[in-house]
Amino acid sequence: IYATFLSALGFNDEARAQLTDEVKKTADTDHDAAYWLASAYAMEGEREDALKWLRRAIELGNENKHWFERDKNWDSLRDDPEYQEIIGSIHTPFSGDPDPDSRTNE
């Protein structure tokens, strides 16, 4: 997750330094870690690695299509046909709040 913050702030070398073999080892068995690794690669413009780890996140059970479609970390790949194919392959509906931006404080 730290890599995505670094990338968002423009610290690209530092962000890439966070994407270690240990992180990849964890991501290979944890769907959330795989998604965050994929996001970091997407933010760094590393298309192939981003899509590879997005697929892995989904294989491991992360099927939060609603979030994937709205996560700004993926804006650079949003129109990519392969990204669209991967997202289109998810058929499990999101079971949480359908629009987290619509929440109000009462």
N, C-alpha and C. Protein backbone atom coordinates (compact mmCIF):
# COMPACT_ATOMS: atom_id res chain seq x y z
N ILE A 1 0.83 -1.19 0.00
CA ILE A 1 0.00 0.00 0.00
C ILE A 1 0.88 1.26 0.00
N TYR A 2 1.99 1.21 0.72
CA TYR A 2 2.88 2.36 0.81
C TYR A 2 3.35 2.79 -0.58
N ALA A 3 3.59 1.83 -1.46
CA ALA A 3 4.05 2.15 -2.81
C ALA A 3 3.04 3.00 -3.55
N THR A 4 1.75 2.76 -3.34
CA THR A 4 0.74 3.57 -4.03
C THR A 4 0.76 5.02 -3.54
N PHE A 5 0.99 5.21 -2.26
CA PHE A 5 1.09 6.57 -1.73
C PHE A 5 2.31 7.28 -2.30
N LEU A 6 3.44 6.58 -2.32
CA LEU A 6 4.66 7.16 -2.88
C LEU A 6 4.46 7.53 -4.34
N SER A 7 3.85 6.63 -5.09
CA SER A 7 3.61 6.88 -6.50
C SER A 7 2.70 8.09 -6.70
N ALA A 8 1.65 8.17 -5.91
CA ALA A 8 0.71 9.30 -6.02
C ALA A 8 1.40 10.63 -5.74
N LEU A 9 2.43 10.60 -4.90
CA LEU A 9 3.17 11.81 -4.56
C LEU A 9 4.31 12.10 -5.54
N GLY A 10 4.49 11.21 -6.52
CA GLY A 10 5.53 11.41 -7.52
C GLY A 10 6.88 10.84 -7.16
N PHE A 11 6.95 10.07 -6.09
CA PHE A 11 8.21 9.44 -5.68
C PHE A 11 8.31 8.06 -6.33
N ASN A 12 8.49 8.07 -7.65
CA ASN A 12 8.41 6.84 -8.42
C ASN A 12 9.52 5.84 -8.09
N ASP A 13 10.74 6.29 -7.96
CA ASP A 13 11.83 5.37 -7.63
C ASP A 13 11.60 4.73 -6.27
N GLU A 14 11.17 5.53 -5.32
CA GLU A 14 10.90 5.02 -3.98
C GLU A 14 9.72 4.04 -4.00
N ALA A 15 8.72 4.34 -4.81
CA ALA A 15 7.56 3.44 -4.93
C ALA A 15 8.00 2.10 -5.49
N ARG A 16 8.78 2.13 -6.55
CA ARG A 16 9.24 0.87 -7.16
C ARG A 16 10.12 0.08 -6.20
N ALA A 17 10.86 0.77 -5.35
CA ALA A 17 11.72 0.08 -4.38
C ALA A 17 10.90 -0.72 -3.37
N GLN A 18 9.65 -0.35 -3.19
CA GLN A 18 8.77 -1.06 -2.25
C GLN A 18 8.24 -2.37 -2.83
N LEU A 19 8.34 -2.55 -4.13
CA LEU A 19 7.77 -3.72 -4.80
C LEU A 19 8.79 -4.85 -4.81
N THR A 20 9.09 -5.33 -3.63
CA THR A 20 10.14 -6.32 -3.42
C THR A 20 9.65 -7.74 -3.67
N ASP A 21 10.59 -8.67 -3.72
CA ASP A 21 10.24 -10.09 -3.86
C ASP A 21 9.38 -10.55 -2.69
N GLU A 22 9.65 -10.04 -1.51
CA GLU A 22 8.85 -10.40 -0.33
C GLU A 22 7.40 -9.94 -0.48
N VAL A 23 7.21 -8.75 -1.00
CA VAL A 23 5.86 -8.24 -1.25
C VAL A 23 5.16 -9.13 -2.28
N LYS A 24 5.87 -9.49 -3.33
CA LYS A 24 5.29 -10.34 -4.36
C LYS A 24 4.95 -11.73 -3.82
N LYS A 25 5.78 -12.23 -2.94
CA LYS A 25 5.52 -13.53 -2.32
C LYS A 25 4.22 -13.48 -1.51
N THR A 26 4.05 -12.43 -0.74
CA THR A 26 2.82 -12.25 0.03
C THR A 26 1.63 -12.08 -0.90
N ALA A 27 1.80 -11.26 -1.92
CA ALA A 27 0.71 -10.98 -2.86
C ALA A 27 0.27 -12.24 -3.61
N ASP A 28 1.16 -13.17 -3.77
CA ASP A 28 0.82 -14.39 -4.50
C ASP A 28 -0.16 -15.27 -3.74
N THR A 29 -0.33 -15.00 -2.44
CA THR A 29 -1.25 -15.82 -1.63
C THR A 29 -2.34 -15.00 -0.94
N ASP A 30 -2.34 -13.69 -1.12
CA ASP A 30 -3.31 -12.82 -0.43
C ASP A 30 -3.98 -11.91 -1.46
N HIS A 31 -5.30 -12.02 -1.59
CA HIS A 31 -5.99 -11.26 -2.64
C HIS A 31 -5.92 -9.75 -2.45
N ASP A 32 -5.91 -9.28 -1.22
CA ASP A 32 -5.80 -7.83 -1.01
C ASP A 32 -4.40 -7.33 -1.36
N ALA A 33 -3.38 -8.06 -0.92
CA ALA A 33 -2.00 -7.68 -1.25
C ALA A 33 -1.78 -7.71 -2.76
N ALA A 34 -2.36 -8.70 -3.42
CA ALA A 34 -2.23 -8.79 -4.88
C ALA A 34 -2.87 -7.58 -5.56
N TYR A 35 -4.02 -7.16 -5.04
CA TYR A 35 -4.70 -6.00 -5.63
C TYR A 35 -3.88 -4.73 -5.42
N TRP A 36 -3.34 -4.53 -4.22
CA TRP A 36 -2.55 -3.33 -3.98
C TRP A 36 -1.26 -3.33 -4.79
N LEU A 37 -0.66 -4.50 -4.97
CA LEU A 37 0.52 -4.60 -5.81
C LEU A 37 0.16 -4.25 -7.25
N ALA A 38 -0.96 -4.79 -7.73
CA ALA A 38 -1.43 -4.47 -9.07
C ALA A 38 -1.66 -2.97 -9.22
N SER A 39 -2.28 -2.37 -8.22
CA SER A 39 -2.55 -0.93 -8.25
C SER A 39 -1.26 -0.13 -8.32
N ALA A 40 -0.28 -0.53 -7.55
CA ALA A 40 1.01 0.17 -7.57
C ALA A 40 1.64 0.10 -8.95
N TYR A 41 1.60 -1.09 -9.55
CA TYR A 41 2.15 -1.22 -10.90
C TYR A 41 1.37 -0.36 -11.89
N ALA A 42 0.05 -0.31 -11.76
CA ALA A 42 -0.76 0.52 -12.65
C ALA A 42 -0.37 1.98 -12.52
N MET A 43 -0.18 2.43 -11.31
CA MET A 43 0.18 3.83 -11.07
C MET A 43 1.57 4.16 -11.61
N GLU A 44 2.42 3.15 -11.65
CA GLU A 44 3.78 3.34 -12.16
C GLU A 44 3.87 3.14 -13.67
N GLY A 45 2.73 2.86 -14.31
CA GLY A 45 2.72 2.68 -15.75
C GLY A 45 3.23 1.34 -16.22
N GLU A 46 3.29 0.39 -15.30
CA GLU A 46 3.77 -0.96 -15.61
C GLU A 46 2.57 -1.84 -15.96
N ARG A 47 2.07 -1.68 -17.19
CA ARG A 47 0.84 -2.32 -17.63
C ARG A 47 0.83 -3.84 -17.43
N GLU A 48 1.83 -4.52 -17.95
CA GLU A 48 1.85 -5.99 -17.89
C GLU A 48 1.80 -6.50 -16.46
N ASP A 49 2.63 -5.93 -15.59
CA ASP A 49 2.63 -6.37 -14.19
C ASP A 49 1.32 -6.00 -13.50
N ALA A 50 0.78 -4.84 -13.83
CA ALA A 50 -0.49 -4.43 -13.22
C ALA A 50 -1.59 -5.43 -13.56
N LEU A 51 -1.70 -5.79 -14.82
CA LEU A 51 -2.76 -6.71 -15.23
C LEU A 51 -2.52 -8.12 -14.70
N LYS A 52 -1.26 -8.52 -14.66
CA LYS A 52 -0.92 -9.85 -14.11
C LYS A 52 -1.38 -9.95 -12.65
N TRP A 53 -1.08 -8.94 -11.85
CA TRP A 53 -1.43 -8.99 -10.43
C TRP A 53 -2.91 -8.74 -10.19
N LEU A 54 -3.56 -8.00 -11.08
CA LEU A 54 -5.02 -7.86 -10.98
C LEU A 54 -5.68 -9.22 -11.21
N ARG A 55 -5.21 -9.93 -12.23
CA ARG A 55 -5.74 -11.29 -12.46
C ARG A 55 -5.52 -12.17 -11.23
N ARG A 56 -4.34 -12.08 -10.66
CA ARG A 56 -4.03 -12.92 -9.49
C ARG A 56 -4.94 -12.56 -8.33
N ALA A 57 -5.18 -11.29 -8.10
CA ALA A 57 -6.08 -10.87 -7.02
C ALA A 57 -7.46 -11.48 -7.21
N ILE A 58 -7.95 -11.48 -8.43
CA ILE A 58 -9.26 -12.04 -8.72
C ILE A 58 -9.25 -13.55 -8.54
N GLU A 59 -8.19 -14.21 -9.02
CA GLU A 59 -8.06 -15.67 -8.84
C GLU A 59 -8.10 -16.05 -7.37
N LEU A 60 -7.53 -15.19 -6.53
CA LEU A 60 -7.48 -15.47 -5.09
C LEU A 60 -8.77 -15.09 -4.37
N GLY A 61 -9.73 -14.52 -5.11
CA GLY A 61 -11.03 -14.25 -4.51
C GLY A 61 -11.42 -12.79 -4.36
N ASN A 62 -10.57 -11.87 -4.78
CA ASN A 62 -10.92 -10.45 -4.69
C ASN A 62 -11.74 -10.10 -5.93
N GLU A 63 -13.05 -10.06 -5.77
CA GLU A 63 -13.94 -9.80 -6.90
C GLU A 63 -14.78 -8.55 -6.66
N ASN A 64 -14.17 -7.54 -6.09
CA ASN A 64 -14.87 -6.30 -5.77
C ASN A 64 -14.94 -5.41 -7.01
N LYS A 65 -15.71 -5.87 -7.98
CA LYS A 65 -15.82 -5.19 -9.27
C LYS A 65 -16.22 -3.72 -9.12
N HIS A 66 -17.14 -3.46 -8.23
CA HIS A 66 -17.59 -2.08 -8.00
C HIS A 66 -16.40 -1.17 -7.67
N TRP A 67 -15.54 -1.62 -6.79
CA TRP A 67 -14.37 -0.81 -6.42
C TRP A 67 -13.37 -0.74 -7.57
N PHE A 68 -13.12 -1.88 -8.22
CA PHE A 68 -12.15 -1.89 -9.31
C PHE A 68 -12.52 -0.87 -10.39
N GLU A 69 -13.81 -0.76 -10.67
CA GLU A 69 -14.26 0.15 -11.71
C GLU A 69 -14.15 1.62 -11.31
N ARG A 70 -14.00 1.90 -10.03
CA ARG A 70 -13.97 3.28 -9.56
C ARG A 70 -12.62 3.72 -8.98
N ASP A 71 -11.74 2.77 -8.73
CA ASP A 71 -10.45 3.07 -8.13
C ASP A 71 -9.61 3.92 -9.09
N LYS A 72 -9.31 5.14 -8.69
CA LYS A 72 -8.58 6.08 -9.54
C LYS A 72 -7.16 5.60 -9.86
N ASN A 73 -6.65 4.67 -9.09
CA ASN A 73 -5.33 4.13 -9.37
C ASN A 73 -5.27 3.45 -10.74
N TRP A 74 -6.42 3.09 -11.26
CA TRP A 74 -6.50 2.37 -12.54
C TRP A 74 -6.89 3.27 -13.71
N ASP A 75 -6.96 4.56 -13.51
CA ASP A 75 -7.41 5.46 -14.57
C ASP A 75 -6.57 5.32 -15.85
N SER A 76 -5.29 5.08 -15.72
CA SER A 76 -4.43 4.98 -16.90
C SER A 76 -4.73 3.75 -17.75
N LEU A 77 -5.36 2.75 -17.15
CA LEU A 77 -5.66 1.51 -17.88
C LEU A 77 -7.16 1.31 -18.10
N ARG A 78 -7.95 2.23 -17.67
CA ARG A 78 -9.41 2.07 -17.72
C ARG A 78 -9.91 1.71 -19.12
N ASP A 79 -9.34 2.29 -20.17
CA ASP A 79 -9.79 2.04 -21.54
C ASP A 79 -9.03 0.90 -22.22
N ASP A 80 -8.11 0.29 -21.51
CA ASP A 80 -7.33 -0.81 -22.07
C ASP A 80 -8.24 -2.03 -22.27
N PRO A 81 -8.28 -2.60 -23.47
CA PRO A 81 -9.15 -3.75 -23.73
C PRO A 81 -8.89 -4.94 -22.80
N GLU A 82 -7.63 -5.17 -22.46
CA GLU A 82 -7.33 -6.30 -21.57
C GLU A 82 -7.84 -6.04 -20.16
N TYR A 83 -7.70 -4.81 -19.68
CA TYR A 83 -8.25 -4.44 -18.38
C TYR A 83 -9.76 -4.65 -18.39
N GLN A 84 -10.42 -4.17 -19.44
CA GLN A 84 -11.87 -4.31 -19.55
C GLN A 84 -12.29 -5.78 -19.58
N GLU A 85 -11.51 -6.59 -20.26
CA GLU A 85 -11.79 -8.03 -20.32
C GLU A 85 -11.68 -8.66 -18.93
N ILE A 86 -10.64 -8.31 -18.20
CA ILE A 86 -10.45 -8.84 -16.85
C ILE A 86 -11.61 -8.43 -15.95
N ILE A 87 -11.94 -7.16 -15.95
CA ILE A 87 -13.04 -6.67 -15.12
C ILE A 87 -14.37 -7.28 -15.56
N GLY A 88 -14.54 -7.43 -16.86
CA GLY A 88 -15.77 -8.03 -17.38
C GLY A 88 -15.95 -9.49 -17.02
N SER A 89 -14.86 -10.15 -16.64
CA SER A 89 -14.94 -11.57 -16.29
C SER A 89 -15.48 -11.79 -14.87
N ILE A 90 -15.60 -10.72 -14.10
CA ILE A 90 -16.09 -10.84 -12.73
C ILE A 90 -17.61 -10.84 -12.75
N HIS A 91 -18.19 -11.89 -12.21
CA HIS A 91 -19.65 -12.02 -12.23
C HIS A 91 -20.25 -12.01 -10.84
N THR A 92 -19.43 -11.89 -9.81
CA THR A 92 -19.94 -11.83 -8.45
C THR A 92 -20.33 -10.39 -8.14
N PRO A 93 -21.58 -10.14 -7.81
CA PRO A 93 -21.97 -8.76 -7.51
C PRO A 93 -21.35 -8.26 -6.22
N PHE A 94 -21.10 -6.98 -6.16
CA PHE A 94 -20.57 -6.34 -4.95
C PHE A 94 -21.66 -6.36 -3.89
N SER A 95 -21.33 -6.80 -2.71
CA SER A 95 -22.35 -6.97 -1.67
C SER A 95 -22.36 -5.85 -0.63
N GLY A 96 -21.47 -4.88 -0.78
CA GLY A 96 -21.41 -3.80 0.19
C GLY A 96 -22.26 -2.62 -0.24
N ASP A 97 -21.95 -1.47 0.32
CA ASP A 97 -22.64 -0.22 -0.01
C ASP A 97 -22.46 0.05 -1.51
N PRO A 98 -23.55 0.14 -2.28
CA PRO A 98 -23.42 0.30 -3.72
C PRO A 98 -22.80 1.63 -4.15
N ASP A 99 -22.87 2.63 -3.31
CA ASP A 99 -22.28 3.92 -3.64
C ASP A 99 -21.74 4.58 -2.38
N PRO A 100 -20.48 4.27 -2.04
CA PRO A 100 -19.93 4.81 -0.79
C PRO A 100 -19.89 6.33 -0.77
N ASP A 101 -19.91 6.98 -1.93
CA ASP A 101 -19.88 8.44 -1.97
C ASP A 101 -21.22 9.06 -1.58
N SER A 102 -22.27 8.23 -1.51
CA SER A 102 -23.59 8.76 -1.20
C SER A 102 -23.89 8.77 0.29
N ARG A 103 -22.95 8.30 1.09
CA ARG A 103 -23.16 8.27 2.54
C ARG A 103 -23.27 9.69 3.08
N THR A 104 -24.12 9.83 4.07
CA THR A 104 -24.24 11.14 4.73
C THR A 104 -24.04 10.94 6.22
N ASN A 105 -23.54 11.95 6.85
CA ASN A 105 -23.40 11.92 8.31
C ASN A 105 -24.68 12.44 8.91
N GLU A 106 -25.28 11.65 9.74
CA GLU A 106 -26.54 12.06 10.35
C GLU A 106 -26.33 12.48 11.77
